[in-house]
Protein backbone atom coordinates (compact mmCIF):
# COMPACT_ATOMS: atom_id res chain seq x y z
CA MET A 1 92.03 87.74 104.82
CA SER A 2 95.56 89.53 105.23
CA SER A 3 95.08 93.25 105.33
CA GLY A 4 98.16 93.73 103.42
CA PHE A 5 101.43 95.06 104.13
CA LYS A 6 102.02 97.89 106.65
CA PRO A 7 105.31 99.99 107.18
CA GLY A 8 107.67 98.57 109.70
CA LYS A 9 110.79 99.51 111.36
CA ASN A 10 113.71 101.00 109.54
CA GLY A 11 112.15 100.93 105.97
CA GLY A 12 111.00 97.58 106.29
CA VAL A 13 107.52 96.26 106.18
CA ILE A 14 105.03 93.76 108.39
CA ALA A 15 102.11 91.79 107.10
CA VAL A 16 100.24 88.69 108.74
CA PHE A 17 98.78 85.90 106.79
CA GLU A 18 96.23 83.51 107.32
CA ALA A 19 97.42 79.77 107.29
CA ALA A 20 95.55 79.30 103.95
CA GLU A 21 97.44 82.14 102.57
CA VAL A 22 100.63 81.03 103.95
CA SER A 23 100.04 77.77 102.03
CA LEU A 24 98.95 79.48 98.74
CA LEU A 25 102.04 81.85 98.65
CA ARG A 26 104.46 78.97 99.78
CA SER A 27 102.84 76.88 96.74
CA LEU A 28 103.20 79.83 94.23
CA VAL A 29 106.79 80.35 94.90
CA SER A 30 107.58 76.70 95.02
CA MET A 31 106.04 76.91 91.34
CA MET A 32 108.30 79.70 90.56
CA LEU A 33 111.45 77.89 92.01
CA GLY A 34 110.41 75.00 89.56
CA ILE A 35 109.81 77.52 86.37
CA VAL A 36 113.28 79.53 87.11
CA SER A 37 115.35 76.55 87.74
CA PRO A 38 118.60 76.67 85.80
CA GLY A 39 117.90 76.76 82.20
CA GLN A 40 119.75 75.28 79.11
CA THR A 41 123.40 75.29 79.71
CA SER A 42 126.36 74.96 77.05
CA ASP A 43 128.09 71.89 76.13
CA ASP A 44 131.55 73.59 76.70
CA PRO A 45 133.05 73.04 80.28
CA LEU A 46 134.19 76.55 80.58
CA GLU A 47 131.12 78.24 79.58
CA ARG A 48 129.01 76.09 81.95
CA ALA A 49 131.67 76.87 84.82
CA LEU A 50 131.13 80.51 84.16
CA GLY A 51 127.28 80.37 83.97
CA ILE A 52 127.08 81.16 80.20
CA GLY A 53 123.76 79.78 79.03
CA ASP A 54 121.73 79.11 76.02
CA THR A 55 121.01 81.97 73.49
CA ALA A 56 117.67 80.44 72.16
CA VAL A 57 114.04 82.86 73.19
CA PRO A 58 112.22 80.20 75.53
CA SER A 59 109.47 78.49 73.51
CA ASP A 60 107.42 78.45 76.66
CA PRO A 61 105.51 81.92 76.89
CA VAL A 62 105.84 82.02 80.63
CA LEU A 63 109.71 81.99 80.41
CA ALA A 64 109.53 84.36 77.28
CA ARG A 65 107.68 86.77 79.53
CA LEU A 66 110.10 86.29 82.46
CA PHE A 67 113.17 86.52 80.40
CA PRO A 68 112.19 88.86 77.52
CA SER A 69 114.58 89.61 74.62
CA ALA A 70 116.71 92.46 75.43
CA TYR A 71 117.19 93.77 71.77
CA GLU A 72 115.14 93.73 68.83
CA ASP A 73 118.10 92.38 66.74
CA GLU A 74 118.03 88.48 67.42
CA LYS A 75 121.91 88.27 67.35
CA ASP A 76 122.27 91.18 69.80
CA SER A 77 119.27 89.56 71.99
CA ALA A 78 121.04 86.24 71.81
CA GLU A 79 124.38 87.20 72.89
CA PHE A 80 122.91 89.46 75.90
CA ARG A 81 120.70 86.36 76.61
CA ARG A 82 123.76 84.15 76.70
CA TYR A 83 125.58 86.31 79.35
CA THR A 84 122.92 87.07 81.47
CA GLU A 85 120.12 84.55 81.69
CA ALA A 86 121.77 82.30 84.33
CA THR A 87 122.40 85.55 86.67
CA LEU A 88 118.59 86.34 86.25
CA ARG A 89 117.32 83.08 86.75
CA ASP A 90 119.66 83.10 90.21
CA GLY A 91 118.04 86.20 91.24
CA LYS A 92 114.53 84.98 90.59
CA ARG A 93 115.19 81.97 92.67
CA ALA A 94 116.63 83.93 95.21
CA ASP A 95 113.89 86.19 95.51
CA ALA A 96 111.10 83.33 95.46
CA GLN A 97 113.21 81.44 98.28
CA THR A 98 112.88 84.58 100.41
CA VAL A 99 109.16 84.64 99.92
CA PHE A 100 109.01 81.12 100.72
CA ASP A 101 111.17 81.25 104.03
CA THR A 102 109.79 84.76 105.25
CA ALA A 103 106.09 83.57 104.65
CA ALA A 104 106.24 80.50 106.41
CA SER A 105 105.11 81.87 109.96
CA GLY A 106 102.40 83.83 108.81
CA HIS A 107 103.94 86.99 110.45
CA ALA A 108 106.27 88.55 107.63
CA GLU A 109 108.41 91.04 109.25
CA LEU A 110 110.61 92.09 106.50
CA THR A 111 113.74 94.03 106.14
CA ALA A 112 113.56 96.49 103.27
CA GLU A 113 115.92 94.11 101.17
CA GLN A 114 113.63 91.25 101.82
CA ALA A 115 110.67 93.37 101.01
CA GLN A 116 112.49 94.29 97.52
CA ALA A 117 112.74 90.69 96.89
CA TRP A 118 108.90 90.22 97.73
CA LEU A 119 108.12 92.71 95.04
CA ARG A 120 110.06 91.03 92.45
CA SER A 121 108.77 87.46 93.28
CA LEU A 122 105.08 88.61 93.48
CA ASN A 123 105.45 90.23 90.19
CA ASP A 124 107.13 87.22 88.74
CA VAL A 125 104.29 84.97 90.15
CA ARG A 126 101.45 87.43 88.66
CA LEU A 127 103.27 87.67 85.20
CA THR A 128 103.05 83.74 85.14
CA LEU A 129 99.40 83.62 86.31
CA GLY A 130 98.62 86.44 83.94
CA ILE A 131 100.26 84.42 81.28
CA LYS A 132 98.54 81.02 81.94
CA LEU A 133 95.26 82.95 82.39
CA ASP A 134 95.56 85.32 79.22
CA VAL A 135 95.04 88.17 81.62
CA THR A 136 93.91 91.54 79.84
CA GLU A 137 93.53 95.07 81.29
CA GLU A 138 89.69 94.17 81.68
CA VAL A 139 90.76 91.38 84.49
CA HIS A 140 88.71 93.30 87.09
CA ASP A 141 85.72 93.24 84.87
CA GLU A 142 85.98 89.52 84.25
CA ILE A 143 86.18 88.62 87.74
CA ALA A 144 83.05 90.83 88.67
CA MET A 145 81.29 88.97 85.89
CA MET A 146 82.47 85.58 86.57
CA SER A 147 80.40 82.91 88.57
CA GLU A 148 82.06 81.70 91.55
CA ASP A 149 81.18 77.99 89.66
CA ASP A 150 83.43 78.72 86.94
CA PRO A 151 86.60 76.61 87.00
CA ARG A 152 88.78 79.50 86.44
CA TYR A 153 87.42 81.78 89.18
CA PRO A 154 89.83 80.54 92.06
CA ALA A 155 92.99 81.18 89.70
CA TYR A 156 91.68 84.77 88.72
CA VAL A 157 90.90 85.56 92.43
CA THR A 158 94.26 84.62 93.32
CA TYR A 159 95.80 86.83 90.74
CA ASP A 160 93.61 89.68 91.91
CA TRP A 161 94.77 88.87 95.61
CA LEU A 162 98.50 88.95 94.35
CA THR A 163 97.83 92.41 92.78
CA TYR A 164 96.42 93.65 96.04
CA LEU A 165 99.41 92.39 97.81
CA GLN A 166 101.94 93.78 95.36
CA ASP A 167 99.93 97.01 95.60
CA SER A 168 99.91 97.30 99.42
CA LEU A 169 103.72 96.36 99.45
CA VAL A 170 104.55 98.97 97.13
CA ARG A 171 102.54 101.47 99.24
CA ALA A 172 103.97 100.40 102.64
CA LEU A 173 107.52 100.98 101.18
CA TRP A 174 106.56 104.59 99.68
C-alpha cells in the first residue's frame, strides 16, 4: 500500500503507488470525468458559445453536492449557476485529468500546481463516494465494525484510503 505523499522539490510532492492503486485511482477519476461532463446548455447559440448553462439545481444528489447552490435565494442561486457552472465543470475535469495522467506510471512527482489539482480532485471523488455511501461522521466506526464480507466494505475502505491520501497530501504541502 502507498505510504502517501511526501514533500518533494520546489513545493511539490512525491508519491509511489502500487499497480492496483493506480488502477483504482484512474478508474475513480475516470468516473469523475463522466460525472462532471458538460451539463445542460442553453438553446440560445450565443449563450452556448459563451458557456452560459442551465440554471436548474441538479436533481442528482452527487451533482448537487459538487455544484451546490451559492445563495439561499433560488433566483440569485440560479443566476450564479447560469454563469459559473460550466467553468466549474471545466475545472473539475481538468483536475481529474491531471490525476489520471500523473498517476499513470505509479510514481507521481507533482508540481505544487498539480498537487493542488490532486487535492481538489480527491475531494470531489470523496464527496461523490460519500454521497453514494451515505457517509456520516461515524464512518470510521462503521468500517471497524463492518465485516469484510459486507458488499459495501470495498467501497468504504476505498473512501477511507482516499481520505488518507488527501490527508497525506495536505500534510506534505504544509
